[in-house]
């Protein structure tokens, strides 16, 4: 019952965080326009969070404040800045006779939405600088801890993993990708995904600067377009300390004296780099005694395990296991000053946007996150840690600021572009021309949002279905005691009879 209550509370909390921070980021953006417009003396028709038909509204000082049906953004209706009545709804009769405003007012009011998002992001980043952001050793590592044998490409073919082809090795530390320094596994993965290198023969190409045995080496890889994520991958996982977090009863791990909290350092004399590496080392070695080197506190221990072939799925699939039910990851706290954190996010955002228009890149619009994807990210991170949620909101606000300053009609950058062209021409652009261009781009923008949202929803449904299917298929493995131990236990039980 307590578990169910916690789940319900967790879901309610997560939904509340989506509404608060997703809606809040939009509100902060529009508040920047609103306050700047009031300061510059512009006429304000309405302040809306969302587009489309209003859900509810109220009026104050002649301004219509409303919450609208479609949570795809928001707007402040400013007829002197731009006639957006076809998108935002009709303006009042008085608005038609309003005097024109200066170029300076147009630029200031247009840019202040992005400025407020940056200010909001800076405040949150400053808070995170003080409280630190929780992370894990596996996420902060740039060491290679696992190398796949093969990758399923988007065209359905299975190829040798690019990492194997490039002779990358376990323990290699990745210092840079295509000349860009990396200091976490997220940066490694993202840099490879958005890389745009091509060889003379047209094959995908990504350069890695690695450190191996104290020596720096440049390795050229040929990434595959993964069928799983539809982005460039080379088939590697991060390296980190493997920690025992749970042990099954009567399992080889229990019999070997392993305990929760033990660090697994070596398997059969080989350094252990990750959980995936561990499973790779024991597969096919059932009933074989395998030496294991452990660290327990300051003590180094030698033991041996005898893996068993056990059933792990409802349909009878068997795998080699030693009975560790779960693994832990060392927790680390990240402390970055707000300027450094925001610079990193801005750089990554610009590189990602640039990859969208690069003919050599495999990044497409469908890889972006729309409202549904952003809401899912907020929902998931809010269940993990509030500080991690704040970091996500910093990213969202910086992305919102940059996106809105792009010189695209109907966005803030588009208003600045039209105002600048009119200033250079020394006369306003034709109203019909502006209305036509804005209407066209608004349809295109809504179409893009719906397109991205379709892939967002598809990814969410696919991921949830796959996770549920995996959980339903998996069963708790049952381990049998070795015959000599079973006989000894049986004899002890007989001896204990009166």
Protein backbone atom coordinates (compact mmCIF):
# COMPACT_ATOMS: atom_id res chain seq x y z
CA UNK A 1 0.00 0.00 0.00
CA UNK A 2 2.82 2.40 0.90
CA UNK A 3 4.54 1.60 -2.39
CA UNK A 4 1.32 2.38 -4.34
CA UNK A 5 0.89 5.64 -2.45
CA UNK A 6 4.48 6.63 -3.22
CA UNK A 7 3.94 5.83 -6.90
CA UNK A 8 0.76 7.93 -7.04
CA UNK A 9 2.42 10.81 -5.22
CA UNK A 10 5.47 10.55 -7.51
CA UNK A 11 3.28 10.73 -10.63
CA UNK A 12 1.28 13.69 -9.30
CA UNK A 13 4.52 15.47 -8.39
CA UNK A 14 5.99 14.81 -11.85
CA UNK A 15 2.88 16.13 -13.64
CA UNK A 16 2.92 19.22 -11.39
CA UNK A 17 6.58 19.84 -12.30
CA UNK A 18 5.76 19.58 -16.02
CA UNK A 19 3.02 22.19 -15.67
CA UNK A 20 5.09 24.44 -13.40
CA UNK A 21 8.38 24.43 -15.28
CA UNK A 22 7.26 23.91 -18.89
CA UNK A 23 4.51 26.49 -18.53
CA UNK A 24 6.80 28.58 -16.36
CA UNK A 25 9.52 28.76 -19.01
CA UNK A 26 6.97 29.97 -21.56
CA UNK A 27 5.57 32.43 -19.03
CA UNK A 28 9.04 33.85 -18.30
CA UNK A 29 9.62 34.36 -22.04
CA UNK A 30 6.33 36.15 -22.61
CA UNK A 31 6.77 38.15 -19.41
CA UNK A 32 9.95 39.61 -20.93
CA UNK A 33 7.97 40.85 -23.96
CA UNK A 34 5.14 42.07 -21.73
CA UNK A 35 7.28 44.12 -19.32
CA UNK A 36 9.37 45.57 -22.13
CA UNK A 37 6.23 46.56 -24.04
CA UNK A 38 4.79 48.28 -20.97
CA UNK A 39 8.09 50.05 -20.33
CA UNK A 40 8.25 51.30 -23.93
CA UNK A 41 4.60 52.39 -23.87
CA UNK A 42 3.21 49.93 -26.42
CA UNK A 43 -0.45 48.98 -26.59
CA UNK A 44 -0.97 45.43 -25.24
CA UNK A 45 -4.03 43.51 -26.44
CA UNK A 46 -3.57 40.23 -24.57
CA UNK A 47 -1.14 37.99 -22.71
CA UNK A 48 -1.70 34.31 -23.51
CA UNK A 49 -0.05 31.10 -22.37
CA UNK A 50 -0.81 28.68 -25.21
CA UNK A 51 -2.44 29.23 -28.60
CA UNK A 52 -5.92 28.69 -29.97
CA UNK A 53 -9.26 28.98 -28.16
CA UNK A 54 -9.09 30.31 -24.64
CA UNK A 55 -9.79 27.99 -21.72
CA UNK A 56 -10.32 30.85 -19.29
CA UNK A 57 -9.38 34.53 -19.13
CA UNK A 58 -9.69 37.72 -17.14
CA UNK A 59 -9.23 41.44 -17.93
CA UNK A 60 -7.20 44.00 -16.06
CA UNK A 61 -6.25 47.52 -17.15
CA UNK A 62 -7.69 46.77 -20.58
CA UNK A 63 -5.43 43.72 -21.13
CA UNK A 64 -6.89 40.28 -21.76
CA UNK A 65 -4.97 37.65 -19.77
CA UNK A 66 -5.74 34.08 -20.82
CA UNK A 67 -4.78 30.41 -20.77
CA UNK A 68 -5.36 28.88 -24.22
CA UNK A 69 -6.04 25.36 -25.41
CA UNK A 70 -2.88 24.44 -27.33
CA UNK A 71 0.20 24.29 -25.02
CA UNK A 72 2.63 24.95 -27.89
CA UNK A 73 4.02 28.21 -26.53
CA UNK A 74 2.45 31.56 -25.83
CA UNK A 75 2.29 35.16 -27.01
CA UNK A 76 1.79 38.78 -26.09
CA UNK A 77 -0.45 40.46 -28.70
CA UNK A 78 1.30 43.71 -29.67
CA UNK A 79 -0.33 45.12 -32.83
CA UNK A 80 2.20 47.97 -33.02
CA UNK A 81 5.05 45.48 -33.20
CA UNK A 82 3.49 43.12 -35.74
CA UNK A 83 0.01 42.39 -37.01
CA UNK A 84 -0.39 38.78 -35.91
CA UNK A 85 -4.18 38.89 -35.70
CA UNK A 86 -4.51 35.95 -38.08
CA UNK A 87 -2.55 33.82 -35.62
CA UNK A 88 -3.21 35.38 -32.24
CA UNK A 89 -6.81 36.43 -32.82
CA UNK A 90 -8.34 39.75 -33.90
CA UNK A 91 -7.27 43.07 -32.45
CA UNK A 92 -9.62 45.71 -31.09
CA UNK A 93 -10.90 48.48 -33.32
CA UNK A 94 -8.76 51.05 -31.50
CA UNK A 95 -5.62 49.07 -32.30
CA UNK A 96 -5.92 49.90 -36.00
CA UNK A 97 -5.36 53.59 -35.30
CA UNK A 98 -2.36 53.18 -33.01
CA UNK A 99 0.76 55.19 -33.91
CA UNK A 100 3.83 53.38 -35.22
CA UNK A 101 6.68 52.61 -32.81
CA UNK A 102 10.41 53.18 -33.19
CA UNK A 103 12.90 50.64 -34.47
CA UNK A 104 14.56 50.65 -31.06
CA UNK A 105 11.28 49.73 -29.34
CA UNK A 106 10.68 46.90 -31.82
CA UNK A 107 14.11 45.40 -31.20
CA UNK A 108 14.00 45.80 -27.41
CA UNK A 109 10.52 44.31 -27.06
CA UNK A 110 11.33 41.45 -29.45
CA UNK A 111 14.60 40.47 -27.78
CA UNK A 112 13.44 40.71 -24.16
CA UNK A 113 11.68 37.34 -24.25
CA UNK A 114 15.00 35.61 -24.91
CA UNK A 115 16.75 37.88 -22.39
CA UNK A 116 14.32 36.84 -19.66
CA UNK A 117 14.88 33.15 -20.50
CA UNK A 118 18.64 33.70 -20.19
CA UNK A 119 18.20 35.54 -16.88
CA UNK A 120 15.97 32.74 -15.58
CA UNK A 121 18.51 30.13 -16.73
CA UNK A 122 21.33 32.08 -15.06
CA UNK A 123 19.44 32.22 -11.74
CA UNK A 124 18.80 28.46 -11.82
CA UNK A 125 22.41 27.76 -12.90
CA UNK A 126 23.65 29.86 -9.97
CA UNK A 127 21.49 27.82 -7.58
CA UNK A 128 22.90 24.61 -9.07
CA UNK A 129 26.42 25.97 -8.68
CA UNK A 130 25.80 26.20 -4.95
CA UNK A 131 23.87 22.94 -4.38
CA UNK A 132 25.68 20.92 -7.12
CA UNK A 133 24.07 18.57 -9.64
CA UNK A 134 23.92 14.84 -8.85
CA UNK A 135 25.38 12.51 -11.43
CA UNK A 136 27.13 9.15 -11.62
CA UNK A 137 30.58 7.87 -12.41
CA UNK A 138 29.28 6.19 -15.58
CA UNK A 139 27.84 9.48 -16.89
CA UNK A 140 30.93 11.53 -16.06
CA UNK A 141 33.43 9.02 -17.41
CA UNK A 142 35.01 9.32 -20.85
CA UNK A 143 36.72 5.94 -20.55
CA UNK A 144 35.61 3.13 -22.86
CA UNK A 145 34.18 0.36 -20.69
CA UNK A 146 32.41 -1.78 -23.28
CA UNK A 147 32.76 -2.43 -27.01
CA UNK A 148 29.93 -4.04 -28.97
CA UNK A 149 30.68 -6.77 -31.45
CA UNK A 150 28.14 -5.50 -34.00
CA UNK A 151 25.53 -2.81 -34.68
CA UNK A 152 22.19 -3.10 -36.47
CA UNK A 153 22.08 -0.31 -39.03
CA UNK A 154 18.99 1.67 -40.04
CA UNK A 155 18.80 -0.22 -43.35
CA UNK A 156 18.47 -3.52 -41.48
CA UNK A 157 22.01 -4.80 -42.05
CA UNK A 158 24.24 -5.92 -39.19
CA UNK A 159 27.82 -4.66 -39.33
CA UNK A 160 30.94 -5.07 -37.22
CA UNK A 161 30.90 -2.23 -34.73
CA UNK A 162 32.97 0.77 -35.88
CA UNK A 163 34.82 0.71 -32.54
CA UNK A 164 36.07 -2.83 -33.22
CA UNK A 165 37.01 -1.93 -36.78
CA UNK A 166 39.01 1.03 -35.48
CA UNK A 167 40.75 -1.19 -32.89
CA UNK A 168 39.57 0.86 -29.94
CA UNK A 169 40.34 -0.86 -26.63
CA UNK A 170 38.74 -1.17 -23.22
CA UNK A 171 40.27 1.42 -20.92
CA UNK A 172 40.90 3.96 -23.70
CA UNK A 173 40.05 7.47 -22.46
CA UNK A 174 38.34 9.71 -25.02
CA UNK A 175 39.73 13.25 -24.81
CA UNK A 176 38.11 14.85 -27.86
CA UNK A 177 35.69 14.12 -30.70
CA UNK A 178 36.41 15.83 -34.03
CA UNK A 179 38.69 18.25 -32.21
CA UNK A 180 36.09 19.21 -29.56
CA UNK A 181 37.12 18.40 -25.99
CA UNK A 182 34.71 16.18 -24.05
CA UNK A 183 34.48 15.66 -20.29
CA UNK A 184 31.46 13.38 -19.82
CA UNK A 185 29.88 10.37 -21.51
CA UNK A 186 26.87 12.48 -22.55
CA UNK A 187 29.25 14.79 -24.42
CA UNK A 188 30.99 11.81 -26.05
CA UNK A 189 27.69 10.29 -27.25
CA UNK A 190 26.25 13.61 -28.42
CA UNK A 191 29.43 14.64 -30.22
CA UNK A 192 29.49 11.35 -32.15
CA UNK A 193 25.74 11.59 -32.93
CA UNK A 194 25.96 15.12 -34.39
CA UNK A 195 29.32 14.62 -36.10
CA UNK A 196 29.32 15.36 -39.82
CA UNK A 197 32.61 14.03 -41.10
CA UNK A 198 32.74 12.18 -44.42
CA UNK A 199 35.64 10.35 -46.04
CA UNK A 200 36.66 10.79 -49.67
CA UNK A 201 34.57 7.72 -50.51
CA UNK A 202 31.50 9.19 -48.77
CA UNK A 203 31.70 6.97 -45.69
CA UNK A 204 30.79 8.52 -42.33
CA UNK A 205 33.89 9.54 -40.45
CA UNK A 206 34.49 10.70 -36.87
CA UNK A 207 37.90 11.36 -35.33
CA UNK A 208 38.62 10.51 -31.70
CA UNK A 209 41.58 11.72 -29.67
CA UNK A 210 42.22 9.03 -27.05
CA UNK A 211 44.67 8.38 -24.26
CA UNK A 212 46.04 4.83 -24.06
CA UNK A 213 48.72 3.86 -21.55
CA UNK A 214 49.64 7.51 -21.04
CA UNK A 215 50.01 8.18 -24.78
CA UNK A 216 47.64 10.31 -26.89
CA UNK A 217 46.49 8.70 -30.14
CA UNK A 218 44.14 9.92 -32.87
CA UNK A 219 41.76 7.23 -34.10
CA UNK A 220 39.47 7.64 -37.11
CA UNK A 221 36.19 5.72 -36.87
CA UNK A 222 33.41 5.16 -39.39
CA UNK A 223 30.15 5.45 -37.40
CA UNK A 224 27.10 3.38 -38.24
CA UNK A 225 23.60 4.84 -38.46
CA UNK A 226 22.00 2.86 -35.66
CA UNK A 227 18.58 1.33 -36.25
CA UNK A 228 17.78 1.72 -32.55
CA UNK A 229 18.23 5.50 -32.23
CA UNK A 230 18.66 6.40 -35.93
CA UNK A 231 21.78 8.40 -35.14
CA UNK A 232 25.52 7.87 -35.53
CA UNK A 233 27.04 5.36 -33.12
CA UNK A 234 30.33 3.51 -32.96
CA UNK A 235 29.29 0.79 -30.48
CA UNK A 236 30.89 1.79 -27.17
CA UNK A 237 29.78 2.19 -23.56
CA UNK A 238 31.32 4.09 -20.67
CA UNK A 239 33.76 2.65 -18.16
CA UNK A 240 33.11 2.86 -14.41
CA UNK A 241 33.49 1.01 -11.13
CA UNK A 242 31.22 -2.04 -10.88
CA UNK A 243 29.59 -2.23 -7.42
CA UNK A 244 27.52 -5.13 -6.05
CA UNK A 245 24.10 -3.81 -4.98
CA UNK A 246 22.03 -7.00 -4.53
CA UNK A 247 22.65 -10.76 -4.29
CA UNK A 248 20.24 -13.65 -4.91
CA UNK A 249 19.84 -16.33 -2.27
CA UNK A 250 21.89 -19.53 -2.75
CA UNK A 251 23.65 -17.93 -5.73
CA UNK A 252 27.32 -18.43 -6.70
CA UNK A 253 27.99 -14.85 -5.61
CA UNK A 254 26.60 -15.58 -2.13
CA UNK A 255 28.56 -18.81 -1.87
CA UNK A 256 31.73 -16.96 -2.89
CA UNK A 257 31.25 -14.60 0.06
CA UNK A 258 30.48 -11.53 -2.02
CA UNK A 259 28.65 -8.74 -0.18
CA UNK A 260 26.60 -5.69 -1.06
CA UNK A 261 28.95 -2.74 -1.52
CA UNK A 262 31.86 -4.79 -2.84
CA UNK A 263 33.81 -3.25 -5.70
CA UNK A 264 34.47 -5.79 -8.47
CA UNK A 265 37.96 -5.02 -9.75
CA UNK A 266 38.90 -8.02 -11.89
CA UNK A 267 37.33 -11.10 -13.45
CA UNK A 268 39.74 -13.94 -14.23
CA UNK A 269 42.68 -11.54 -14.03
CA UNK A 270 41.15 -9.01 -16.42
CA UNK A 271 40.36 -5.47 -15.19
CA UNK A 272 36.59 -4.93 -15.10
CA UNK A 273 35.36 -1.78 -16.84
CA UNK A 274 31.55 -1.98 -16.74
CA UNK A 275 28.53 -4.20 -16.02
CA UNK A 276 28.23 -5.00 -19.73
CA UNK A 277 31.88 -6.02 -19.74
CA UNK A 278 31.22 -8.25 -16.69
CA UNK A 279 28.39 -10.12 -18.42
CA UNK A 280 30.54 -10.53 -21.50
CA UNK A 281 33.33 -12.10 -19.45
CA UNK A 282 31.15 -14.75 -17.78
CA UNK A 283 28.93 -15.74 -20.72
CA UNK A 284 29.34 -19.38 -21.76
CA UNK A 285 31.40 -20.21 -18.67
CA UNK A 286 28.76 -21.99 -16.58
CA UNK A 287 30.14 -24.48 -14.02
CA UNK A 288 33.63 -23.03 -14.46
CA UNK A 289 35.45 -21.59 -11.46
CA UNK A 290 36.32 -17.98 -12.25
CA UNK A 291 38.68 -15.93 -10.03
CA UNK A 292 37.29 -12.58 -8.87
CA UNK A 293 39.22 -9.70 -7.28
CA UNK A 294 37.15 -7.55 -4.92
CA UNK A 295 37.64 -4.44 -2.85
CA UNK A 296 35.73 -4.16 0.43
CA UNK A 297 36.53 -0.90 2.13
CA UNK A 298 40.33 -0.71 2.24
CA UNK A 299 40.70 -4.49 1.95
CA UNK A 300 41.51 -6.35 -1.30
CA UNK A 301 39.94 -9.84 -1.44
CA UNK A 302 40.39 -12.82 -3.75
CA UNK A 303 37.55 -15.25 -4.29
CA UNK A 304 36.09 -17.41 -7.06
CA UNK A 305 32.60 -17.91 -8.45
CA UNK A 306 31.09 -20.79 -10.38
CA UNK A 307 28.43 -19.30 -12.74
CA UNK A 308 25.23 -21.20 -13.43
CA UNK A 309 23.03 -21.40 -16.51
CA UNK A 310 19.64 -20.17 -15.23
CA UNK A 311 16.25 -19.34 -16.78
CA UNK A 312 15.78 -15.54 -16.96
CA UNK A 313 12.60 -15.13 -19.07
CA UNK A 314 9.07 -16.51 -19.10
CA UNK A 315 9.72 -18.30 -22.38
CA UNK A 316 12.59 -20.29 -20.89
CA UNK A 317 15.59 -18.33 -22.19
CA UNK A 318 18.75 -19.13 -20.27
CA UNK A 319 21.78 -16.98 -19.52
CA UNK A 320 24.97 -17.39 -17.51
CA UNK A 321 24.66 -15.66 -14.14
CA UNK A 322 26.45 -15.57 -10.78
CA UNK A 323 23.45 -14.20 -8.88
CA UNK A 324 24.07 -10.47 -8.55
CA UNK A 325 20.54 -9.08 -8.70
CA UNK A 326 21.55 -5.42 -9.17
CA UNK A 327 24.57 -3.21 -9.54
CA UNK A 328 25.27 0.26 -8.17
CA UNK A 329 27.11 3.20 -9.69
CA UNK A 330 29.34 5.57 -7.75
CA UNK A 331 27.52 8.85 -7.23
CA UNK A 332 29.33 12.10 -7.98
CA UNK A 333 28.33 15.74 -7.58
CA UNK A 334 28.97 18.20 -10.41
CA UNK A 335 29.76 21.82 -9.59
CA UNK A 336 30.03 24.24 -12.51
CA UNK A 337 29.84 28.00 -12.34
CA UNK A 338 26.78 29.38 -14.18
CA UNK A 339 28.77 31.02 -16.96
CA UNK A 340 30.66 27.81 -17.83
CA UNK A 341 27.49 25.70 -17.70
CA UNK A 342 25.56 28.11 -19.92
CA UNK A 343 28.44 28.44 -22.39
CA UNK A 344 28.53 24.64 -22.77
CA UNK A 345 24.77 24.48 -23.39
CA UNK A 346 24.86 27.36 -25.89
CA UNK A 347 27.75 25.73 -27.79
CA UNK A 348 26.00 22.36 -27.95
CA UNK A 349 22.70 23.95 -29.02
CA UNK A 350 24.34 25.90 -31.84
CA UNK A 351 26.27 22.81 -33.00
CA UNK A 352 23.07 20.76 -32.98
CA UNK A 353 21.12 23.39 -34.94
CA UNK A 354 24.00 23.65 -37.41
CA UNK A 355 23.93 19.90 -37.94
CA UNK A 356 20.29 20.18 -39.06
CA UNK A 357 21.33 22.13 -42.15
CA UNK A 358 24.60 20.28 -42.79
CA UNK A 359 24.26 17.92 -45.75
CA UNK A 360 26.86 15.55 -44.26
CA UNK A 361 25.05 15.24 -40.93
CA UNK A 362 22.59 12.47 -40.08
CA UNK A 363 20.66 14.67 -37.64
CA UNK A 364 17.15 15.49 -38.84
CA UNK A 365 14.23 17.54 -37.51
CA UNK A 366 12.55 14.35 -36.28
CA UNK A 367 15.41 13.92 -33.81
CA UNK A 368 14.47 17.16 -32.07
CA UNK A 369 12.16 17.27 -29.04
CA UNK A 370 8.81 19.05 -29.26
CA UNK A 371 6.35 19.85 -26.45
CA UNK A 372 5.61 16.16 -25.81
CA UNK A 373 9.29 15.20 -25.68
CA UNK A 374 10.19 18.13 -23.43
CA UNK A 375 7.28 17.32 -21.10
CA UNK A 376 8.47 13.68 -20.92
CA UNK A 377 12.02 14.78 -20.05
CA UNK A 378 10.73 17.04 -17.27
CA UNK A 379 8.40 14.27 -16.06
CA UNK A 380 11.21 11.70 -15.89
CA UNK A 381 13.88 13.91 -14.30
CA UNK A 382 11.46 15.24 -11.68
CA UNK A 383 11.14 11.66 -10.39
CA UNK A 384 14.92 11.31 -10.06
CA UNK A 385 16.16 14.49 -8.38
CA UNK A 386 14.91 18.07 -8.18
CA UNK A 387 18.41 19.43 -8.86
CA UNK A 388 18.62 17.41 -12.07
CA UNK A 389 15.24 18.85 -13.03
CA UNK A 390 16.58 22.39 -12.55
CA UNK A 391 19.49 21.54 -14.86
CA UNK A 392 17.01 20.41 -17.53
CA UNK A 393 15.08 23.69 -17.14
CA UNK A 394 18.33 25.62 -17.65
CA UNK A 395 18.85 23.72 -20.93
CA UNK A 396 15.23 24.30 -22.01
CA UNK A 397 15.36 28.06 -21.35
CA UNK A 398 18.63 28.53 -23.22
CA UNK A 399 17.27 26.51 -26.14
CA UNK A 400 14.05 28.54 -26.07
CA UNK A 401 16.03 31.78 -26.17
CA UNK A 402 18.25 30.71 -29.07
CA UNK A 403 15.38 29.22 -31.09
CA UNK A 404 13.23 32.34 -30.75
CA UNK A 405 16.06 34.59 -31.92
CA UNK A 406 16.42 32.73 -35.23
CA UNK A 407 15.52 35.05 -38.13
CA UNK A 408 12.33 33.16 -38.94
CA UNK A 409 9.06 35.06 -39.49
CA UNK A 410 6.58 34.70 -36.55
CA UNK A 411 9.52 34.22 -34.14
CA UNK A 412 11.16 37.09 -32.25
CA UNK A 413 14.16 37.00 -34.57
CA UNK A 414 11.76 37.36 -37.49
CA UNK A 415 10.24 40.52 -35.99
CA UNK A 416 13.75 41.95 -35.57
CA UNK A 417 14.61 40.96 -39.16
CA UNK A 418 11.50 42.69 -40.59
CA UNK A 419 12.13 45.80 -38.45
CA UNK A 420 15.77 45.93 -39.60
CA UNK A 421 14.83 45.57 -43.28
CA UNK A 422 12.26 48.36 -42.90
CA UNK A 423 14.88 50.53 -41.18
CA UNK A 424 17.36 49.98 -44.03
CA UNK A 425 14.66 50.69 -46.65
CA UNK A 426 13.64 53.77 -44.69
CA UNK A 427 10.00 52.78 -45.14
CA UNK A 428 7.78 50.02 -43.72
CA UNK A 429 7.35 46.73 -45.51
CA UNK A 430 3.95 46.19 -47.15
CA UNK A 431 1.44 44.96 -44.57
CA UNK A 432 0.03 42.32 -46.93
CA UNK A 433 3.52 40.97 -47.60
CA UNK A 434 4.31 40.65 -43.89
CA UNK A 435 0.94 39.03 -43.16
CA UNK A 436 1.38 36.55 -46.01
CA UNK A 437 4.92 35.57 -45.00
CA UNK A 438 4.02 35.28 -41.32
CA UNK A 439 0.94 33.18 -42.10
CA UNK A 440 2.98 30.84 -44.30
CA UNK A 441 5.71 30.41 -41.73
CA UNK A 442 3.21 29.95 -38.91
CA UNK A 443 1.64 27.06 -40.81
CA UNK A 444 5.11 25.65 -41.45
CA UNK A 445 6.09 26.07 -37.79
CA UNK A 446 2.92 24.38 -36.53
CA UNK A 447 3.48 21.63 -39.08
CA UNK A 448 7.03 21.15 -37.83
CA UNK A 449 5.83 21.03 -34.20
CA UNK A 450 3.23 18.40 -35.10
CA UNK A 451 5.84 16.45 -37.10
CA UNK A 452 8.33 16.48 -34.21
CA UNK A 453 5.55 15.69 -31.72
CA UNK A 454 4.55 12.65 -33.77
CA UNK A 455 8.07 11.25 -33.41
CA UNK A 456 8.14 12.30 -29.74
CA UNK A 457 4.97 10.34 -29.01
CA UNK A 458 6.17 7.40 -31.10
CA UNK A 459 9.46 7.28 -29.16
CA UNK A 460 7.65 7.52 -25.82
CA UNK A 461 5.17 4.77 -26.71
CA UNK A 462 7.91 2.55 -28.13
CA UNK A 463 10.17 3.02 -25.10
CA UNK A 464 7.36 2.43 -22.59
CA UNK A 465 6.13 -0.65 -24.49
CA UNK A 466 9.64 -2.08 -24.74
CA UNK A 467 10.27 -1.47 -21.03
CA UNK A 468 6.97 -3.06 -20.01
CA UNK A 469 7.55 -6.03 -22.30
CA UNK A 470 11.04 -6.50 -20.88
CA UNK A 471 9.71 -6.38 -17.31
CA UNK A 472 6.94 -8.85 -18.10
CA UNK A 473 9.35 -11.25 -19.77
CA UNK A 474 12.03 -11.22 -17.07
CA UNK A 475 11.75 -13.56 -14.10
CA UNK A 476 13.83 -13.90 -10.97
CA UNK A 477 16.43 -16.61 -11.62
CA UNK A 478 16.51 -19.57 -9.25
CA UNK A 479 19.95 -20.85 -8.29
CA UNK A 480 20.63 -24.37 -7.08
CA UNK A 481 23.23 -25.19 -4.48
CA UNK A 482 26.13 -27.36 -5.68
CA UNK A 483 25.56 -31.04 -4.86
CA UNK A 484 28.31 -31.27 -2.23
CA UNK A 485 26.94 -28.24 -0.39
CA UNK A 486 23.37 -29.55 -0.67
CA UNK A 487 24.44 -32.91 0.82
CA UNK A 488 26.28 -31.20 3.68
CA UNK A 489 23.24 -29.02 4.40
CA UNK A 490 20.98 -32.09 4.37
CA UNK A 491 23.31 -33.96 6.74
CA UNK A 492 23.36 -31.01 9.13
CA UNK A 493 19.57 -30.95 9.08
CA UNK A 494 19.43 -34.71 9.86
CA UNK A 495 21.93 -34.33 12.70
CA UNK A 496 19.78 -31.62 14.21
CA UNK A 497 16.77 -33.97 14.50
CA UNK A 498 16.00 -35.17 18.09
